[in-house]
Amino acid sequence: MSEKTSTAKAPTRQAPRDVRGFWRIVLAVIAPLPMIGMGLYYILSPVDGGTSFEQTAAAYADHLDRVEVIQYLGVPFLVLLIPATFAVAWVARRGAPRLATAGALLALTGQLAGFPLNQGGDLLAYTTVKNGFDVATMAKLQDALESQPTAALGGLLFIIGIVFGLLLLGLALWRSKAAPAWTGIALAVGGFTHPFMPGHVASGIGLLVAALGFAGASLALLRMRNDDFDLPPGRPAPLT
C-alpha cells in the first residue's frame, strides 16, 4: 500500500465564530437600563417607600393611569439587573480583582435571593385597585406574605446587595481606572444611599445617580478591544 493511500488526511476544523463583540456591546447597552427604569419608577410613583398597603392602594386609585404606565419601568430592573451587575464586575475585575469579586458576590447574591423571595406590595396594591378587590382583605394577605421568614431573608439579602454590593463595585470601578473615576463614585454613592433617601423622588434620583456608574461600565465596554474583553474563541485540544 502506498504512502499516499495509507496516510489519512486530518479533517479541517472550522474555527468557532467570534462573538465577543456581540456580548461586549449587549452588556454595554444593558448596564444602565435597570437603574434608569427603577429611578424613573420611584420618581413617578405617587407614594413613598414604606407606606402602608391601605395608603398605597388609595394613592394608586387616585393615579391609576400613571401607575399602569410606570409598572413597565420596573421591568428592566427585574430582568436586567443581574447582567448589568455582571457587566460592572467584568469591567473592574482586572484593575481591582478583590473589590470586584467581593462586590459581585454581595450584589448578585442579594439579587438572586431578593427577586424570588421578597414579595413587594406595590404589585399587589395595583392588582387590588385594578380589579376592585377588598383592600382590607388584600392588606392582610400582604402582611402574611411579608411575615414569612423567607421573605424577610430575601429582603435583607437584597438590601445588603444593593447597599454594600454596589458600594464595593463602585469602588472597584473607580480603583480599576477602567472608567472615569466619577462614574465609580456615582455607583458607590447611589447604591449605598438609596434605602436612606427621604421620599420617593429622592430615592429615584439616587438610583439615577447609580445609573451613571453603570453607564461608566458601558463606556468602558464600548471602548474596549475584544481581546481585552475576553479570550478569543477556541476549542480545547482533544484528550489523549
Protein backbone atom coordinates (compact mmCIF):
# COMPACT_ATOMS: atom_id res chain seq x y z
CA MET A 1 0.00 0.00 0.00
CA SER A 2 1.42 3.34 -0.99
CA GLU A 3 2.21 6.10 1.46
CA LYS A 4 -0.33 8.33 -0.29
CA THR A 5 -3.21 5.94 0.30
CA SER A 6 -2.15 4.81 3.77
CA THR A 7 -1.79 8.25 5.25
CA ALA A 8 -5.15 9.58 6.47
CA LYS A 9 -5.71 13.25 5.86
CA ALA A 10 -6.65 15.13 9.04
CA PRO A 11 -10.05 16.80 8.73
CA THR A 12 -10.04 20.56 8.65
CA ARG A 13 -11.72 22.05 11.73
CA GLN A 14 -13.52 25.32 11.27
CA ALA A 15 -12.67 27.91 13.89
CA PRO A 16 -15.56 28.91 16.19
CA ARG A 17 -17.25 32.16 15.33
CA ASP A 18 -16.02 35.13 17.36
CA VAL A 19 -19.00 36.68 19.18
CA ARG A 20 -17.06 38.64 21.78
CA GLY A 21 -18.06 41.93 20.18
CA PHE A 22 -21.73 40.95 20.38
CA TRP A 23 -21.57 40.20 24.11
CA ARG A 24 -19.48 43.28 24.81
CA ILE A 25 -21.99 45.60 23.11
CA VAL A 26 -25.03 43.84 24.61
CA LEU A 27 -23.63 44.26 28.12
CA ALA A 28 -22.80 47.90 27.36
CA VAL A 29 -26.39 48.58 26.28
CA ILE A 30 -27.92 46.69 29.20
CA ALA A 31 -25.79 48.12 32.00
CA PRO A 32 -27.56 51.45 32.75
CA LEU A 33 -31.12 50.39 31.91
CA PRO A 34 -32.20 48.78 35.22
CA MET A 35 -31.33 51.78 37.39
CA ILE A 36 -32.75 54.25 34.87
CA GLY A 37 -36.05 52.37 34.78
CA MET A 38 -36.34 51.97 38.54
CA GLY A 39 -35.19 55.52 39.19
CA LEU A 40 -37.97 56.87 36.98
CA TYR A 41 -40.39 54.44 38.63
CA TYR A 42 -39.62 55.90 42.06
CA ILE A 43 -39.81 59.48 40.85
CA LEU A 44 -43.19 58.98 39.16
CA SER A 45 -44.65 56.83 41.93
CA PRO A 46 -47.47 58.54 43.87
CA VAL A 47 -46.29 57.11 47.22
CA ASP A 48 -43.11 56.94 49.28
CA GLY A 49 -41.42 53.71 50.21
CA GLY A 50 -42.68 52.16 53.43
CA THR A 51 -46.21 53.50 53.00
CA SER A 52 -48.91 51.20 54.36
CA PHE A 53 -50.78 48.93 51.99
CA GLU A 54 -54.04 50.81 52.53
CA GLN A 55 -52.46 54.20 51.80
CA THR A 56 -50.68 52.79 48.76
CA ALA A 57 -53.93 51.37 47.39
CA ALA A 58 -55.69 54.70 47.94
CA ALA A 59 -52.94 56.61 46.15
CA TYR A 60 -52.96 54.11 43.27
CA ALA A 61 -56.73 54.51 42.94
CA ASP A 62 -56.25 58.27 42.55
CA HIS A 63 -53.45 57.86 39.96
CA LEU A 64 -54.34 54.56 38.30
CA ASP A 65 -53.44 55.64 34.76
CA ARG A 66 -49.97 56.70 35.87
CA VAL A 67 -49.42 53.52 37.89
CA GLU A 68 -50.42 51.40 34.89
CA VAL A 69 -47.63 53.04 32.88
CA ILE A 70 -44.86 53.01 35.49
CA GLN A 71 -45.32 49.27 36.10
CA TYR A 72 -43.34 48.78 32.88
CA LEU A 73 -40.48 50.95 34.10
CA GLY A 74 -39.71 48.32 36.72
CA VAL A 75 -39.31 45.55 34.15
CA PRO A 76 -35.68 46.35 33.20
CA PHE A 77 -34.75 46.33 36.90
CA LEU A 78 -36.19 42.85 37.43
CA VAL A 79 -34.97 41.36 34.17
CA LEU A 80 -31.62 43.08 33.52
CA LEU A 81 -30.11 44.00 36.89
CA ILE A 82 -28.16 40.75 37.19
CA PRO A 83 -26.41 41.03 33.78
CA ALA A 84 -25.89 44.76 34.41
CA THR A 85 -24.15 43.97 37.70
CA PHE A 86 -22.07 41.34 35.94
CA ALA A 87 -21.06 43.96 33.34
CA VAL A 88 -19.64 46.27 36.04
CA ALA A 89 -17.80 43.42 37.73
CA TRP A 90 -16.36 42.25 34.42
CA VAL A 91 -15.06 45.72 33.57
CA ALA A 92 -13.48 46.24 37.01
CA ARG A 93 -12.17 42.72 37.59
CA ARG A 94 -8.67 43.20 36.16
CA GLY A 95 -7.85 46.53 37.77
CA ALA A 96 -9.43 45.76 41.15
CA PRO A 97 -9.96 41.98 41.29
CA ARG A 98 -10.64 41.59 45.01
CA LEU A 99 -13.03 44.53 45.29
CA ALA A 100 -14.84 43.50 42.11
CA THR A 101 -15.16 39.91 43.32
CA ALA A 102 -16.45 40.90 46.77
CA GLY A 103 -18.89 43.41 45.32
CA ALA A 104 -20.18 40.98 42.72
CA LEU A 105 -20.67 38.22 45.30
CA LEU A 106 -22.68 40.50 47.61
CA ALA A 107 -24.69 42.21 44.86
CA LEU A 108 -25.52 39.09 42.86
CA THR A 109 -26.35 37.04 45.96
CA GLY A 110 -28.72 39.75 47.12
CA GLN A 111 -30.40 39.98 43.73
CA LEU A 112 -30.73 36.23 43.27
CA ALA A 113 -32.26 35.94 46.74
CA GLY A 114 -34.34 39.10 46.72
CA PHE A 115 -36.14 38.78 43.41
CA PRO A 116 -37.83 35.40 44.08
CA LEU A 117 -38.17 35.67 47.87
CA ASN A 118 -39.09 39.30 48.53
CA GLN A 119 -42.81 39.83 47.88
CA GLY A 120 -43.24 43.57 47.38
CA GLY A 121 -46.61 45.18 47.99
CA ASP A 122 -46.69 47.54 45.02
CA LEU A 123 -47.89 44.97 42.51
CA LEU A 124 -50.42 43.54 44.92
CA ALA A 125 -51.79 47.03 45.66
CA TYR A 126 -52.05 47.78 41.93
CA THR A 127 -53.80 44.45 41.31
CA THR A 128 -56.18 45.16 44.16
CA VAL A 129 -57.19 48.54 42.79
CA LYS A 130 -57.27 47.42 39.17
CA ASN A 131 -59.62 44.51 39.90
CA GLY A 132 -61.69 46.07 42.66
CA PHE A 133 -60.61 43.61 45.36
CA ASP A 134 -61.30 44.31 49.02
CA VAL A 135 -58.44 46.44 50.31
CA ALA A 136 -58.66 45.22 53.91
CA THR A 137 -58.51 41.57 52.87
CA MET A 138 -55.61 42.14 50.49
CA ALA A 139 -53.76 44.10 53.18
CA LYS A 140 -53.97 41.02 55.43
CA LEU A 141 -52.64 38.91 52.57
CA GLN A 142 -49.72 41.31 52.13
CA ASP A 143 -48.96 41.21 55.85
CA ALA A 144 -49.00 37.41 55.75
CA LEU A 145 -46.62 37.33 52.79
CA GLU A 146 -44.21 39.76 54.41
CA SER A 147 -44.23 37.82 57.68
CA GLN A 148 -42.79 34.74 56.01
CA PRO A 149 -39.18 34.10 57.13
CA THR A 150 -38.07 33.54 53.55
CA ALA A 151 -39.46 36.93 52.53
CA ALA A 152 -37.62 38.62 55.40
CA LEU A 153 -34.42 36.82 54.42
CA GLY A 154 -34.83 37.81 50.77
CA GLY A 155 -35.42 41.44 51.70
CA LEU A 156 -32.39 41.53 53.99
CA LEU A 157 -30.07 39.98 51.42
CA PHE A 158 -31.37 42.28 48.71
CA ILE A 159 -30.70 45.39 50.81
CA ILE A 160 -27.21 44.12 51.63
CA GLY A 161 -26.59 43.51 47.94
CA ILE A 162 -27.77 46.98 46.91
CA VAL A 163 -26.13 48.91 49.74
CA PHE A 164 -22.82 47.10 50.21
CA GLY A 165 -22.51 45.17 46.94
CA LEU A 166 -22.93 48.22 44.72
CA LEU A 167 -20.74 50.24 47.09
CA LEU A 168 -17.87 47.79 46.60
CA LEU A 169 -18.47 47.55 42.85
CA GLY A 170 -18.41 51.33 42.60
CA LEU A 171 -15.12 51.45 44.49
CA ALA A 172 -13.79 48.68 42.26
CA LEU A 173 -14.78 50.59 39.12
CA TRP A 174 -13.11 53.72 40.47
CA ARG A 175 -9.95 51.91 41.55
CA SER A 176 -9.64 49.88 38.36
CA LYS A 177 -9.35 53.07 36.25
CA ALA A 178 -11.30 51.26 33.54
CA ALA A 179 -13.90 54.06 33.53
CA PRO A 180 -13.89 57.72 34.61
CA ALA A 181 -13.43 57.94 38.38
CA TRP A 182 -16.63 59.88 38.90
CA THR A 183 -18.71 57.02 37.48
CA GLY A 184 -17.37 54.65 40.12
CA ILE A 185 -18.13 57.21 42.82
CA ALA A 186 -21.64 57.69 41.42
CA LEU A 187 -22.30 53.94 41.57
CA ALA A 188 -20.97 53.69 45.13
CA VAL A 189 -22.93 56.70 46.38
CA GLY A 190 -26.15 55.93 44.50
CA GLY A 191 -26.36 52.33 45.68
CA PHE A 192 -25.29 52.97 49.25
CA THR A 193 -27.64 55.90 49.91
CA HIS A 194 -30.74 54.66 48.07
CA PRO A 195 -32.53 52.99 51.04
CA PHE A 196 -31.89 56.02 53.25
CA MET A 197 -33.12 58.76 50.93
CA PRO A 198 -36.16 60.71 52.19
CA GLY A 199 -39.16 60.31 49.90
CA HIS A 200 -39.72 58.54 46.60
CA VAL A 201 -38.35 61.38 44.46
CA ALA A 202 -35.03 61.47 46.32
CA SER A 203 -34.83 57.67 46.17
CA GLY A 204 -35.39 57.80 42.42
CA ILE A 205 -32.70 60.44 41.97
CA GLY A 206 -30.32 58.23 43.96
CA LEU A 207 -30.93 55.37 41.55
CA LEU A 208 -30.36 57.65 38.56
CA VAL A 209 -27.02 58.60 40.11
CA ALA A 210 -26.23 54.88 40.38
CA ALA A 211 -27.20 54.55 36.70
CA LEU A 212 -24.35 56.92 35.86
CA GLY A 213 -22.00 54.42 37.46
CA PHE A 214 -23.39 51.60 35.36
CA ALA A 215 -23.05 53.85 32.32
CA GLY A 216 -19.35 54.16 33.16
CA ALA A 217 -19.07 50.42 32.68
CA SER A 218 -20.93 50.81 29.37
CA LEU A 219 -18.41 53.40 28.23
CA ALA A 220 -15.52 51.13 29.16
CA LEU A 221 -17.06 48.19 27.31
CA LEU A 222 -17.64 50.23 24.14
CA ARG A 223 -14.04 51.47 24.18
CA MET A 224 -12.60 48.05 24.96
CA ARG A 225 -10.99 45.81 22.38
CA ASN A 226 -12.37 42.31 22.08
CA ASP A 227 -9.02 40.90 23.19
CA ASP A 228 -9.26 42.93 26.40
CA PHE A 229 -12.86 41.82 26.93
CA ASP A 230 -12.21 38.09 26.78
CA LEU A 231 -10.03 35.38 25.31
CA PRO A 232 -10.60 34.62 21.63
CA PRO A 233 -12.79 31.63 20.79
CA GLY A 234 -11.16 28.24 20.56
CA ARG A 235 -11.64 24.59 21.30
CA PRO A 236 -9.53 22.64 23.78
CA ALA A 237 -7.17 20.03 22.46
CA PRO A 238 -8.71 16.54 22.40
CA LEU A 239 -7.94 14.30 25.35
CA THR A 240 -5.39 11.62 24.65
